[in-house]
C-alpha cells in the first residue's frame, strides 16, 4: 500500500536539491553523448525522451522511499 503522502507536494531538502542537481548533470552528459554519437531519428528521439523520464523519476527517488513516504534523511539511501 502506498504511503498516504505519495501524491502530496514534497519540498526537497538542501541535500536532496544538491543530489538532484548532480544526477541531472550526469544525465545531461549522457544525453550530450547520445546526441553526438547517434544519428537523428526515432531511436535517438526515443532514447532522449526516456532519459528525460528517468531524470524525473530519479528526482522522486531522491525525495521519497519506495512506498511514497518522504525520506527523512535528506536523500541518503536507507
N, C-alpha and C. Protein backbone atom coordinates (compact mmCIF):
# COMPACT_ATOMS: atom_id res chain seq x y z
N UNK A 1 0.84 -1.17 0.00
CA UNK A 1 0.00 0.00 0.00
C UNK A 1 0.89 1.24 0.00
N UNK A 2 0.51 2.22 -0.80
CA UNK A 2 1.28 3.45 -0.88
C UNK A 2 1.11 4.29 0.38
N UNK A 3 2.16 4.99 0.72
CA UNK A 3 2.12 5.90 1.85
C UNK A 3 1.09 6.98 1.59
N UNK A 4 0.41 7.47 2.61
CA UNK A 4 -0.66 8.45 2.44
C UNK A 4 -0.17 9.76 1.80
N UNK A 5 1.12 10.06 1.87
CA UNK A 5 1.63 11.32 1.31
C UNK A 5 2.21 11.16 -0.09
N UNK A 6 1.99 10.02 -0.72
CA UNK A 6 2.57 9.75 -2.03
C UNK A 6 2.28 10.84 -3.04
N UNK A 7 1.10 11.38 -3.04
CA UNK A 7 0.71 12.36 -4.05
C UNK A 7 0.77 13.80 -3.55
N UNK A 8 1.27 13.99 -2.34
CA UNK A 8 1.42 15.34 -1.80
C UNK A 8 2.72 15.96 -2.34
N UNK A 9 2.73 17.30 -2.39
CA UNK A 9 3.96 18.00 -2.75
C UNK A 9 4.97 17.81 -1.63
N UNK A 10 6.19 17.53 -2.00
CA UNK A 10 7.25 17.34 -1.02
C UNK A 10 8.42 18.23 -1.43
N UNK A 11 8.65 19.29 -0.68
CA UNK A 11 9.76 20.19 -0.99
C UNK A 11 11.07 19.50 -0.64
N UNK A 12 11.99 19.41 -1.61
CA UNK A 12 13.26 18.74 -1.34
C UNK A 12 14.10 19.52 -0.33
N UNK A 13 14.87 18.79 0.45
CA UNK A 13 15.81 19.42 1.37
C UNK A 13 16.99 19.97 0.56
N UNK A 14 17.83 20.76 1.20
CA UNK A 14 19.01 21.30 0.51
C UNK A 14 19.93 20.17 0.03
N UNK A 15 20.07 19.14 0.84
CA UNK A 15 20.89 17.99 0.44
C UNK A 15 20.28 17.30 -0.77
N UNK A 16 18.97 17.13 -0.77
CA UNK A 16 18.30 16.48 -1.90
C UNK A 16 18.42 17.32 -3.16
N UNK A 17 18.33 18.64 -3.04
CA UNK A 17 18.49 19.51 -4.21
C UNK A 17 19.89 19.35 -4.80
N UNK A 18 20.90 19.27 -3.95
CA UNK A 18 22.27 19.07 -4.45
C UNK A 18 22.41 17.71 -5.14
N UNK A 19 21.78 16.68 -4.56
CA UNK A 19 21.82 15.35 -5.16
C UNK A 19 21.12 15.35 -6.51
N UNK A 20 19.95 15.98 -6.58
CA UNK A 20 19.21 16.06 -7.84
C UNK A 20 20.03 16.78 -8.90
N UNK A 21 20.67 17.87 -8.52
CA UNK A 21 21.48 18.63 -9.48
C UNK A 21 22.62 17.78 -10.02
N UNK A 22 23.27 17.04 -9.14
CA UNK A 22 24.37 16.17 -9.57
C UNK A 22 23.89 15.09 -10.53
N UNK A 23 22.76 14.48 -10.21
CA UNK A 23 22.23 13.42 -11.07
C UNK A 23 21.73 13.97 -12.40
N UNK A 24 21.12 15.16 -12.38
CA UNK A 24 20.68 15.79 -13.64
C UNK A 24 21.89 16.11 -14.52
N UNK A 25 22.99 16.56 -13.92
CA UNK A 25 24.19 16.85 -14.69
C UNK A 25 24.73 15.59 -15.35
N UNK A 26 24.73 14.49 -14.62
CA UNK A 26 25.18 13.22 -15.19
C UNK A 26 24.28 12.81 -16.35
N UNK A 27 22.98 12.99 -16.19
CA UNK A 27 22.04 12.66 -17.27
C UNK A 27 22.27 13.56 -18.48
N UNK A 28 22.55 14.84 -18.24
CA UNK A 28 22.81 15.76 -19.34
C UNK A 28 24.06 15.34 -20.11
N UNK A 29 25.09 14.94 -19.40
CA UNK A 29 26.32 14.49 -20.07
C UNK A 29 26.04 13.26 -20.93
N UNK A 30 25.23 12.35 -20.41
CA UNK A 30 24.87 11.17 -21.19
C UNK A 30 24.03 11.56 -22.40
N UNK A 31 23.09 12.48 -22.19
CA UNK A 31 22.26 12.97 -23.28
C UNK A 31 23.12 13.60 -24.38
N UNK A 32 24.10 14.39 -23.97
CA UNK A 32 25.00 15.01 -24.94
C UNK A 32 25.76 13.94 -25.74
N UNK A 33 26.18 12.88 -25.06
CA UNK A 33 26.88 11.79 -25.74
C UNK A 33 25.96 11.06 -26.72
N UNK A 34 24.73 10.85 -26.32
CA UNK A 34 23.75 10.22 -27.22
C UNK A 34 23.57 11.08 -28.46
N UNK A 35 23.37 12.38 -28.27
CA UNK A 35 23.17 13.28 -29.41
C UNK A 35 24.39 13.32 -30.31
N UNK A 36 25.57 13.25 -29.74
CA UNK A 36 26.81 13.33 -30.52
C UNK A 36 27.12 12.04 -31.28
N UNK A 37 26.61 10.91 -30.78
CA UNK A 37 27.02 9.62 -31.34
C UNK A 37 25.95 8.84 -32.08
N UNK A 38 24.69 9.27 -31.98
CA UNK A 38 23.63 8.56 -32.67
C UNK A 38 23.02 9.45 -33.74
N UNK A 39 22.64 8.86 -34.86
CA UNK A 39 22.02 9.68 -35.92
C UNK A 39 20.63 10.13 -35.50
N UNK A 40 20.22 11.28 -36.03
CA UNK A 40 18.86 11.75 -35.78
C UNK A 40 17.88 10.71 -36.30
N UNK A 41 16.81 10.53 -35.57
CA UNK A 41 15.80 9.58 -35.99
C UNK A 41 14.98 9.12 -34.81
N UNK A 42 14.05 8.21 -35.05
CA UNK A 42 13.13 7.80 -33.99
C UNK A 42 13.81 7.10 -32.82
N UNK A 43 14.88 6.36 -33.07
CA UNK A 43 15.55 5.67 -31.97
C UNK A 43 16.20 6.68 -31.02
N UNK A 44 16.90 7.65 -31.58
CA UNK A 44 17.54 8.66 -30.75
C UNK A 44 16.49 9.48 -30.00
N UNK A 45 15.42 9.83 -30.67
CA UNK A 45 14.34 10.58 -30.03
C UNK A 45 13.76 9.79 -28.86
N UNK A 46 13.54 8.51 -29.07
CA UNK A 46 13.01 7.65 -28.01
C UNK A 46 13.95 7.62 -26.81
N UNK A 47 15.23 7.44 -27.08
CA UNK A 47 16.22 7.37 -26.00
C UNK A 47 16.22 8.67 -25.20
N UNK A 48 16.22 9.80 -25.88
CA UNK A 48 16.27 11.09 -25.19
C UNK A 48 14.99 11.34 -24.38
N UNK A 49 13.85 10.92 -24.91
CA UNK A 49 12.60 11.08 -24.16
C UNK A 49 12.58 10.20 -22.92
N UNK A 50 13.06 8.98 -23.06
CA UNK A 50 13.11 8.07 -21.91
C UNK A 50 14.10 8.58 -20.87
N UNK A 51 15.20 9.15 -21.31
CA UNK A 51 16.17 9.71 -20.38
C UNK A 51 15.54 10.85 -19.58
N UNK A 52 14.76 11.69 -20.25
CA UNK A 52 14.06 12.78 -19.56
C UNK A 52 13.11 12.21 -18.51
N UNK A 53 12.40 11.14 -18.86
CA UNK A 53 11.50 10.50 -17.91
C UNK A 53 12.28 9.93 -16.73
N UNK A 54 13.41 9.31 -17.01
CA UNK A 54 14.23 8.73 -15.95
C UNK A 54 14.73 9.80 -14.98
N UNK A 55 15.07 10.97 -15.50
CA UNK A 55 15.52 12.06 -14.64
C UNK A 55 14.38 12.47 -13.70
N UNK A 56 13.16 12.54 -14.21
CA UNK A 56 12.02 12.90 -13.35
C UNK A 56 11.81 11.85 -12.26
N UNK A 57 11.89 10.58 -12.61
CA UNK A 57 11.72 9.52 -11.61
C UNK A 57 12.89 9.49 -10.63
N UNK A 58 14.07 9.88 -11.10
CA UNK A 58 15.22 9.96 -10.20
C UNK A 58 14.97 11.00 -9.13
N UNK A 59 14.39 12.14 -9.52
CA UNK A 59 14.05 13.17 -8.53
C UNK A 59 13.08 12.63 -7.48
N UNK A 60 12.11 11.84 -7.91
CA UNK A 60 11.17 11.24 -6.96
C UNK A 60 11.93 10.30 -6.02
N UNK A 61 12.82 9.50 -6.58
CA UNK A 61 13.56 8.53 -5.76
C UNK A 61 14.45 9.22 -4.72
N UNK A 62 14.93 10.40 -5.06
CA UNK A 62 15.77 11.14 -4.11
C UNK A 62 14.95 11.61 -2.92
N UNK A 63 13.71 11.98 -3.14
CA UNK A 63 12.91 12.57 -2.06
C UNK A 63 11.98 11.59 -1.34
N UNK A 64 11.74 10.43 -1.94
CA UNK A 64 10.76 9.51 -1.35
C UNK A 64 11.30 8.08 -1.26
N UNK A 65 10.76 7.36 -0.31
CA UNK A 65 11.03 5.92 -0.20
C UNK A 65 10.16 5.19 -1.21
N UNK A 66 10.37 3.92 -1.38
CA UNK A 66 9.63 3.16 -2.39
C UNK A 66 8.13 3.12 -2.13
N UNK A 67 7.70 3.30 -0.88
CA UNK A 67 6.27 3.31 -0.59
C UNK A 67 5.66 4.71 -0.69
N UNK A 68 6.45 5.70 -1.08
CA UNK A 68 5.96 7.07 -1.23
C UNK A 68 6.20 7.93 0.00
N UNK A 69 6.65 7.33 1.07
CA UNK A 69 6.91 8.12 2.30
C UNK A 69 8.12 9.02 2.06
N UNK A 70 8.10 10.21 2.65
CA UNK A 70 9.24 11.11 2.49
C UNK A 70 10.51 10.52 3.11
N UNK A 71 11.64 10.78 2.48
CA UNK A 71 12.92 10.41 3.08
C UNK A 71 13.26 11.46 4.13
N UNK A 72 13.47 11.02 5.33
CA UNK A 72 13.75 11.95 6.43
C UNK A 72 15.23 12.28 6.53
N UNK A 73 16.05 11.56 5.79
CA UNK A 73 17.50 11.70 5.95
C UNK A 73 18.15 12.53 4.86
N UNK A 74 17.39 13.38 4.19
CA UNK A 74 17.98 14.27 3.21
C UNK A 74 18.31 13.61 1.88
N UNK A 75 17.86 12.42 1.64
CA UNK A 75 18.09 11.77 0.37
C UNK A 75 19.09 10.64 0.40
N UNK A 76 19.76 10.44 1.56
CA UNK A 76 20.68 9.32 1.66
C UNK A 76 19.92 8.02 1.52
N UNK A 77 20.56 7.02 0.98
CA UNK A 77 19.92 5.72 0.80
C UNK A 77 19.69 5.09 2.16
N UNK A 78 18.48 4.58 2.35
CA UNK A 78 18.13 3.92 3.63
C UNK A 78 18.72 2.54 3.70
